[in-house]
Protein backbone atom coordinates (compact mmCIF):
# COMPACT_ATOMS: atom_id res chain seq x y z
CA MET A 1 -15.24 22.10 -30.41
CA VAL A 2 -15.13 19.13 -28.31
CA GLY A 3 -16.08 16.96 -31.40
CA ASN A 4 -12.77 18.61 -32.83
CA ILE A 5 -10.65 17.66 -29.83
CA LEU A 6 -12.01 14.08 -30.00
CA VAL A 7 -11.30 13.59 -33.58
CA GLY A 8 -7.68 14.87 -33.18
CA LEU A 9 -7.19 12.62 -30.09
CA VAL A 10 -8.45 9.40 -32.19
CA ALA A 11 -6.21 10.68 -35.01
CA LEU A 12 -3.13 10.69 -32.61
CA ILE A 13 -4.18 7.40 -31.24
CA HIS A 14 -4.12 5.85 -34.87
CA CYS A 15 -0.76 7.38 -35.67
CA TYR A 16 0.74 5.83 -32.62
CA ILE A 17 -0.56 2.44 -33.37
CA VAL A 18 0.74 2.76 -36.97
CA TYR A 19 4.23 3.79 -35.74
CA LEU A 20 4.32 0.79 -33.42
CA GLU A 21 3.32 -1.64 -36.13
CA MET A 22 5.57 -0.21 -38.78
CA VAL A 23 8.71 0.92 -36.87
CA LEU A 24 8.63 -0.63 -33.36
CA TRP A 25 7.47 -4.08 -34.05
CA ASP A 26 10.73 -5.58 -33.53
CA THR A 27 11.81 -3.80 -30.56
CA PRO A 28 11.00 -4.41 -26.86
CA ARG A 29 8.46 -1.70 -26.87
CA GLY A 30 6.76 -3.52 -29.69
CA HIS A 31 7.06 -6.83 -28.24
CA LYS A 32 5.51 -5.49 -25.06
CA ALA A 33 2.59 -3.57 -26.81
CA PHE A 34 1.61 -6.62 -28.77
CA ASN A 35 2.61 -9.25 -26.25
CA LEU A 36 5.16 -10.93 -28.96
CA LYS A 37 8.00 -13.06 -28.78
CA PRO A 38 11.33 -11.81 -30.38
CA ASP A 39 11.34 -14.68 -32.97
CA PHE A 40 7.79 -14.34 -34.01
CA ALA A 41 8.24 -10.51 -34.16
CA SER A 42 11.29 -10.72 -36.33
CA ALA A 43 9.53 -13.39 -38.65
CA SER A 44 6.38 -11.34 -39.26
CA LYS A 45 8.14 -7.82 -39.44
CA VAL A 46 6.99 -7.22 -43.09
CA LEU A 47 3.69 -8.37 -42.36
CA ALA A 48 3.20 -6.21 -39.56
CA ALA A 49 4.56 -3.22 -41.55
CA ASN A 50 1.73 -3.92 -44.28
CA GLN A 51 -0.89 -4.19 -41.43
CA GLY A 52 0.43 -0.76 -40.22
CA LEU A 53 0.04 0.85 -43.45
CA TYR A 54 -3.51 -0.56 -44.11
CA ASN A 55 -4.76 -0.09 -40.41
C-alpha cells in the first residue's frame, strides 16, 4: 500500500517536470523553476521540449 502511494507520488512529480520542460519552459513559471533568462529560454525552447520528452 505505502509502496503504491510512493510510486504514484513519484509519477506525479515526473509528469509535473515533463510539463514544466515541454509546456512552461518559455513562461515566467518555467524561468523561475529553472532559473532561466528569457532570451536563453526562447533560444532553447525546442531543446527543452526534447529533453522533457526523454526525461
